[in-house]
Amino acid sequence: MRDAQMTVHFDIIHTTHYRYHQPVQLGEHRVMFRPRGSHDLRVLATDMQVTPDPQDIRLIQDVYSNSVAVLTPQSPANELKVVCSFTVEHTGTRALDLPLDPAALGYPFAYSPEDLLVIQHYLQPYYDDPTGELDVWARQFVHACGPTGTRELLVEMTEMIRNSTTYVARFDEGVQTPYDTIRLGTGTCRDFATLMIEAVRRLGYAARFVSGYLYAPALDTGDDVYSGAGATHAWAEVYLPGAGWLPFDPTNNLIGGTDLIRVGVARHASTASPVSGSWHGFPGDFAGMFVDVQVKRR
């Protein structure tokens, strides 16, 4: 578990390559690769190469203030390849030692009326819980005897998910329901993030889905790497009064630090896809997709 304050530089190359057996008509695509800068993360350089050349590229901010490139590739074509390169400076996110508002130290706590105006949609669960299964699972982290710390509850849940589940790569689009993840005990990073987000929302926390990149230090030493390295990664951010949005990665039991490089935030995984778009042709024309993410520390 990491929570360090230091400055590091990363070079990131994210490649997505769609292939087709014969030329197809490519529609508009939305690309969300660019890291989301803030006081702890600064984007120093960016580049995007698209094959075939796009007719048009528009850079916009979506409803969550994520940076999105909207492009229309020239077509017909038998491939679509997007290679994005970035250099970022990361000073580390302090998640475990940032002071909370005194009134929010213990669970349960209340958000201020002003905060509630902004975070209301991050408080609302995305999934129904008709049997109360998820609520029961979430409330195991509320201590029956003695006080429950607001941040300590999140730390315990992050560790519990990491220790009680098995990471299994899945390249299909979409995300498991939190109930499936509990019952199966397996999933991807986006499944584990979704489980934590939905669980803490039922406890009254504001939480959002984060997509981005994961630096795996073990890649430099040949040791076991983090789960989810070599592809896009996903984790949760929870809003705590006084400390703000704090990152919790239940896939690897990572809290703060410099190894999580955020790109986009959303209420649910379905609206945080790195690449989305359309093509027109026969279903059998699709020949496959290749994704490669390289994150190297200077």
Protein backbone atom coordinates (compact mmCIF):
# COMPACT_ATOMS: atom_id res chain seq x y z
CA MET A 1 0.00 0.00 0.00
CA ARG A 2 1.51 3.34 -1.07
CA ASP A 3 1.04 6.94 -0.03
CA ALA A 4 4.14 8.84 -1.01
CA GLN A 5 4.93 12.47 -1.81
CA MET A 6 7.55 12.57 -4.54
CA THR A 7 7.96 13.74 -8.11
CA VAL A 8 8.29 11.18 -10.91
CA HIS A 9 8.02 11.36 -14.68
CA PHE A 10 6.26 8.77 -16.83
CA ASP A 11 6.22 8.16 -20.58
CA ILE A 12 3.00 6.52 -21.72
CA ILE A 13 2.16 4.97 -25.08
CA HIS A 14 -1.40 3.72 -25.56
CA THR A 15 -2.16 1.83 -28.77
CA THR A 16 -5.59 0.66 -29.90
CA HIS A 17 -5.81 -1.17 -33.23
CA TYR A 18 -9.06 -2.35 -34.84
CA ARG A 19 -8.75 -4.62 -37.89
CA TYR A 20 -11.35 -5.62 -40.51
CA HIS A 21 -11.30 -8.37 -43.14
CA GLN A 22 -12.36 -5.91 -45.80
CA PRO A 23 -12.76 -2.13 -45.99
CA VAL A 24 -15.64 -0.81 -43.88
CA GLN A 25 -17.17 2.60 -43.36
CA LEU A 26 -15.79 4.19 -40.18
CA GLY A 27 -18.00 6.55 -38.21
CA GLU A 28 -17.20 9.15 -35.57
CA HIS A 29 -15.02 7.96 -32.69
CA ARG A 30 -14.40 9.44 -29.24
CA VAL A 31 -10.94 8.94 -27.76
CA MET A 32 -10.35 9.51 -24.05
CA PHE A 33 -6.66 8.82 -23.44
CA ARG A 34 -5.18 12.12 -22.22
CA PRO A 35 -4.26 12.11 -18.51
CA ARG A 36 -6.37 14.39 -16.35
CA GLY A 37 -4.08 17.10 -15.01
CA SER A 38 -4.34 18.73 -11.60
CA HIS A 39 -2.07 19.90 -8.76
CA ASP A 40 -0.61 16.38 -8.40
CA LEU A 41 -0.46 15.41 -12.08
CA ARG A 42 0.90 17.60 -14.88
CA VAL A 43 0.80 16.72 -18.58
CA LEU A 44 4.08 17.79 -20.18
CA ALA A 45 3.69 16.49 -23.75
CA THR A 46 1.03 14.83 -25.89
CA ASP A 47 0.80 13.30 -29.34
CA MET A 48 -1.85 11.32 -31.21
CA GLN A 49 -1.36 9.43 -34.47
CA VAL A 50 -4.43 8.05 -36.28
CA THR A 51 -4.46 5.58 -39.18
CA PRO A 52 -6.11 6.25 -41.58
CA ASP A 53 -5.75 10.00 -41.35
CA PRO A 54 -8.83 11.59 -39.80
CA GLN A 55 -10.98 13.98 -41.78
CA ASP A 56 -11.40 16.06 -38.66
CA ILE A 57 -10.30 16.13 -34.99
CA ARG A 58 -12.09 18.16 -32.33
CA LEU A 59 -10.83 18.41 -28.74
CA ILE A 60 -13.62 18.87 -26.23
CA GLN A 61 -14.39 18.51 -22.53
CA ASP A 62 -17.26 16.18 -21.76
CA VAL A 63 -19.84 16.59 -19.01
CA TYR A 64 -17.31 15.33 -16.44
CA SER A 65 -14.61 17.75 -17.72
CA ASN A 66 -12.64 14.86 -19.22
CA SER A 67 -10.50 15.68 -22.25
CA VAL A 68 -11.94 13.91 -25.30
CA ALA A 69 -10.76 13.85 -28.92
CA VAL A 70 -13.64 13.46 -31.37
CA LEU A 71 -12.41 12.22 -34.74
CA THR A 72 -13.81 10.97 -38.04
CA PRO A 73 -11.35 8.68 -39.85
CA GLN A 74 -11.20 8.63 -43.63
CA SER A 75 -12.95 5.56 -44.97
CA PRO A 76 -13.62 3.00 -46.28
CA ALA A 77 -10.66 1.39 -44.55
CA ASN A 78 -9.66 -2.05 -43.28
CA GLU A 79 -8.17 -0.76 -40.02
CA LEU A 80 -8.36 1.96 -37.41
CA LYS A 81 -5.24 2.51 -35.35
CA VAL A 82 -4.90 5.16 -32.64
CA VAL A 83 -1.54 5.67 -30.95
CA CYS A 84 -1.44 8.23 -28.14
CA SER A 85 1.78 9.25 -26.40
CA PHE A 86 2.14 11.30 -23.24
CA THR A 87 4.75 12.48 -20.80
CA VAL A 88 3.45 13.33 -17.34
CA GLU A 89 4.84 14.58 -14.06
CA HIS A 90 3.28 13.01 -10.98
CA THR A 91 3.94 14.39 -7.51
CA GLY A 92 1.88 11.72 -5.77
CA THR A 93 -1.57 11.81 -4.21
CA ARG A 94 -1.65 12.01 -0.43
CA ALA A 95 -4.62 9.88 0.51
CA LEU A 96 -3.90 8.58 4.00
CA ASP A 97 -2.60 11.65 5.80
CA LEU A 98 -4.64 14.54 4.41
CA PRO A 99 -6.72 15.97 7.27
CA LEU A 100 -10.48 15.49 7.19
CA ASP A 101 -13.04 17.94 8.46
CA PRO A 102 -13.43 17.24 12.21
CA ALA A 103 -17.12 16.44 11.70
CA ALA A 104 -16.21 13.79 9.09
CA LEU A 105 -13.64 11.82 11.09
CA GLY A 106 -16.15 9.21 12.22
CA TYR A 107 -18.73 7.26 10.25
CA PRO A 108 -21.51 8.16 9.61
CA PHE A 109 -20.90 11.74 8.54
CA ALA A 110 -22.78 14.35 6.51
CA TYR A 111 -21.77 16.37 3.49
CA SER A 112 -22.38 20.12 3.52
CA PRO A 113 -25.39 21.46 1.58
CA GLU A 114 -23.01 23.13 -0.90
CA ASP A 115 -21.09 19.87 -1.53
CA LEU A 116 -24.35 17.98 -1.97
CA LEU A 117 -25.34 20.22 -4.88
CA VAL A 118 -22.26 19.05 -6.79
CA ILE A 119 -21.85 15.41 -5.75
CA GLN A 120 -25.47 14.29 -5.70
CA HIS A 121 -25.12 12.08 -8.80
CA TYR A 122 -22.06 10.38 -7.24
CA LEU A 123 -24.13 9.47 -4.18
CA GLN A 124 -26.87 7.70 -6.11
CA PRO A 125 -26.30 3.94 -6.66
CA TYR A 126 -26.23 2.85 -10.28
CA TYR A 127 -27.62 -0.62 -9.56
CA ASP A 128 -30.77 -1.60 -7.69
CA ASP A 129 -30.35 -3.83 -4.65
CA PRO A 130 -33.78 -5.52 -4.34
CA THR A 131 -32.62 -8.25 -1.93
CA GLY A 132 -30.32 -6.04 0.12
CA GLU A 133 -27.35 -8.27 -0.72
CA LEU A 134 -25.00 -5.41 -1.51
CA ASP A 135 -26.12 -3.40 1.51
CA VAL A 136 -25.34 -6.35 3.81
CA TRP A 137 -21.93 -6.80 2.18
CA ALA A 138 -21.10 -3.11 2.59
CA ARG A 139 -22.18 -2.91 6.23
CA GLN A 140 -19.70 -5.55 7.35
CA PHE A 141 -17.16 -2.72 7.41
CA VAL A 142 -19.17 -0.68 9.93
CA HIS A 143 -17.92 -1.73 13.34
CA ALA A 144 -20.61 -3.19 15.60
CA CYS A 145 -18.57 -2.37 18.71
CA GLY A 146 -16.77 0.94 18.96
CA PRO A 147 -16.43 3.81 16.50
CA THR A 148 -15.83 3.43 12.77
CA GLY A 149 -13.35 5.79 11.15
CA THR A 150 -14.56 7.38 7.93
CA ARG A 151 -11.30 6.81 6.06
CA GLU A 152 -10.44 3.59 7.89
CA LEU A 153 -13.63 1.97 6.57
CA LEU A 154 -12.47 2.66 3.00
CA VAL A 155 -8.99 1.31 3.69
CA GLU A 156 -10.45 -1.91 5.11
CA MET A 157 -12.79 -2.37 2.15
CA THR A 158 -9.98 -1.81 -0.35
CA GLU A 159 -7.85 -4.45 1.35
CA MET A 160 -10.78 -6.87 1.71
CA ILE A 161 -11.60 -6.79 -2.01
CA ARG A 162 -7.95 -7.32 -2.91
CA ASN A 163 -7.55 -10.27 -0.54
CA SER A 164 -10.87 -12.02 -1.23
CA THR A 165 -11.02 -11.85 -5.04
CA THR A 166 -9.00 -13.09 -8.00
CA TYR A 167 -8.13 -10.89 -10.96
CA VAL A 168 -9.13 -12.44 -14.31
CA ALA A 169 -8.51 -10.47 -17.50
CA ARG A 170 -11.60 -10.00 -19.66
CA PHE A 171 -11.40 -8.18 -22.97
CA ASP A 172 -15.14 -8.01 -23.66
CA GLU A 173 -16.76 -4.63 -23.22
CA GLY A 174 -18.93 -3.95 -20.22
CA VAL A 175 -18.71 -4.50 -16.50
CA GLN A 176 -20.04 -7.15 -14.11
CA THR A 177 -22.72 -6.21 -11.64
CA PRO A 178 -21.39 -5.90 -8.10
CA TYR A 179 -23.52 -8.92 -7.15
CA ASP A 180 -21.79 -11.09 -9.75
CA THR A 181 -18.40 -9.97 -8.48
CA ILE A 182 -19.33 -10.88 -4.89
CA ARG A 183 -20.69 -14.29 -5.89
CA LEU A 184 -17.95 -15.19 -8.37
CA GLY A 185 -15.04 -13.80 -6.41
CA THR A 186 -13.35 -12.96 -9.72
CA GLY A 187 -13.30 -10.00 -12.05
CA THR A 188 -11.30 -7.27 -13.73
CA CYS A 189 -10.17 -3.95 -12.32
CA ARG A 190 -13.34 -2.26 -13.57
CA ASP A 191 -15.45 -4.91 -11.82
CA PHE A 192 -13.66 -4.45 -8.49
CA ALA A 193 -13.85 -0.66 -8.78
CA THR A 194 -17.58 -0.89 -9.53
CA LEU A 195 -18.15 -3.14 -6.50
CA MET A 196 -16.42 -0.68 -4.18
CA ILE A 197 -18.15 2.35 -5.67
CA GLU A 198 -21.62 0.83 -5.35
CA ALA A 199 -20.91 -0.47 -1.83
CA VAL A 200 -19.71 2.85 -0.42
CA ARG A 201 -22.56 4.72 -2.09
CA ARG A 202 -24.95 2.57 -0.07
CA LEU A 203 -23.11 3.72 3.03
CA GLY A 204 -23.54 7.39 2.12
CA TYR A 205 -20.19 8.13 0.47
CA ALA A 206 -19.88 9.99 -2.83
CA ALA A 207 -17.81 7.83 -5.20
CA ARG A 208 -16.88 7.89 -8.87
CA PHE A 209 -15.31 5.54 -11.43
CA VAL A 210 -11.81 6.42 -12.65
CA SER A 211 -10.11 5.10 -15.79
CA GLY A 212 -6.43 5.56 -16.40
CA TYR A 213 -3.03 3.95 -16.39
CA LEU A 214 -1.12 1.88 -13.84
CA TYR A 215 2.62 1.98 -13.44
CA ALA A 216 3.94 -1.39 -12.27
CA PRO A 217 7.34 -0.90 -10.60
CA ALA A 218 7.93 -4.66 -10.68
CA LEU A 219 8.19 -4.52 -14.47
CA ASP A 220 11.57 -2.86 -13.93
CA THR A 221 12.81 -5.67 -11.66
CA GLY A 222 11.20 -8.75 -13.20
CA ASP A 223 9.09 -9.47 -10.11
CA ASP A 224 5.34 -10.10 -10.05
CA VAL A 225 3.49 -7.10 -11.45
CA TYR A 226 0.31 -5.41 -10.36
CA SER A 227 -2.92 -6.83 -11.71
CA GLY A 228 -4.07 -4.76 -14.65
CA ALA A 229 -0.62 -3.62 -15.80
CA GLY A 230 -0.14 -3.47 -19.58
CA ALA A 231 -3.67 -2.25 -20.26
CA THR A 232 -5.91 0.58 -19.21
CA HIS A 233 -6.74 0.44 -15.51
CA ALA A 234 -9.70 1.38 -13.33
CA TRP A 235 -10.19 2.31 -9.70
CA ALA A 236 -12.47 4.33 -7.41
CA GLU A 237 -12.30 7.84 -6.05
CA VAL A 238 -14.24 8.77 -2.91
CA TYR A 239 -14.99 12.32 -1.80
CA LEU A 240 -14.20 13.05 1.85
CA PRO A 241 -14.87 16.48 3.39
CA GLY A 242 -11.62 18.31 3.98
CA ALA A 243 -9.49 15.93 1.88
CA GLY A 244 -11.41 15.95 -1.41
CA TRP A 245 -11.37 13.16 -3.98
CA LEU A 246 -9.10 10.30 -2.85
CA PRO A 247 -8.07 7.28 -5.00
CA PHE A 248 -8.64 3.70 -3.84
CA ASP A 249 -7.58 0.81 -6.08
CA PRO A 250 -9.12 -2.42 -4.72
CA THR A 251 -7.52 -4.49 -7.49
CA ASN A 252 -4.04 -3.93 -6.07
CA ASN A 253 -4.74 -2.44 -2.61
CA LEU A 254 -3.24 0.86 -3.74
CA ILE A 255 -4.25 4.06 -1.97
CA GLY A 256 -2.76 7.28 -3.28
CA GLY A 257 0.86 7.48 -4.34
CA THR A 258 2.21 7.93 -7.86
CA ASP A 259 1.43 4.61 -9.56
CA LEU A 260 -2.16 5.52 -10.52
CA ILE A 261 -2.33 7.94 -13.46
CA ARG A 262 -5.92 9.09 -13.97
CA VAL A 263 -7.44 9.86 -17.35
CA GLY A 264 -11.21 10.08 -16.99
CA VAL A 265 -13.87 10.08 -14.30
CA ALA A 266 -17.52 9.14 -14.58
CA ARG A 267 -20.50 7.98 -12.57
CA HIS A 268 -20.25 4.51 -14.11
CA ALA A 269 -17.76 2.52 -16.19
CA SER A 270 -20.04 2.60 -19.25
CA THR A 271 -19.31 6.31 -19.81
CA ALA A 272 -15.54 6.12 -19.30
CA SER A 273 -14.52 4.00 -22.29
CA PRO A 274 -11.06 4.90 -23.72
CA VAL A 275 -12.33 4.50 -27.31
CA SER A 276 -15.90 4.41 -28.53
CA GLY A 277 -17.37 4.79 -31.98
CA SER A 278 -19.12 3.11 -34.88
CA TRP A 279 -18.42 1.31 -38.12
CA HIS A 280 -20.71 0.05 -40.87
CA GLY A 281 -20.33 -3.31 -42.56
CA PHE A 282 -21.16 -6.98 -42.06
CA PRO A 283 -20.61 -8.50 -38.57
CA GLY A 284 -18.12 -10.96 -40.04
CA ASP A 285 -15.96 -8.10 -41.31
CA PHE A 286 -14.54 -7.47 -37.83
CA ALA A 287 -11.14 -9.20 -37.53
CA GLY A 288 -10.22 -8.25 -33.98
CA MET A 289 -8.84 -5.57 -31.68
CA PHE A 290 -5.38 -5.15 -30.16
CA VAL A 291 -4.66 -2.92 -27.17
CA ASP A 292 -1.25 -2.20 -25.69
CA VAL A 293 -0.36 0.22 -22.91
CA GLN A 294 3.24 0.97 -21.97
CA VAL A 295 3.96 3.06 -18.88
CA LYS A 296 7.65 3.67 -18.25
CA ARG A 297 9.21 5.65 -15.45
CA ARG A 298 12.13 7.87 -16.33
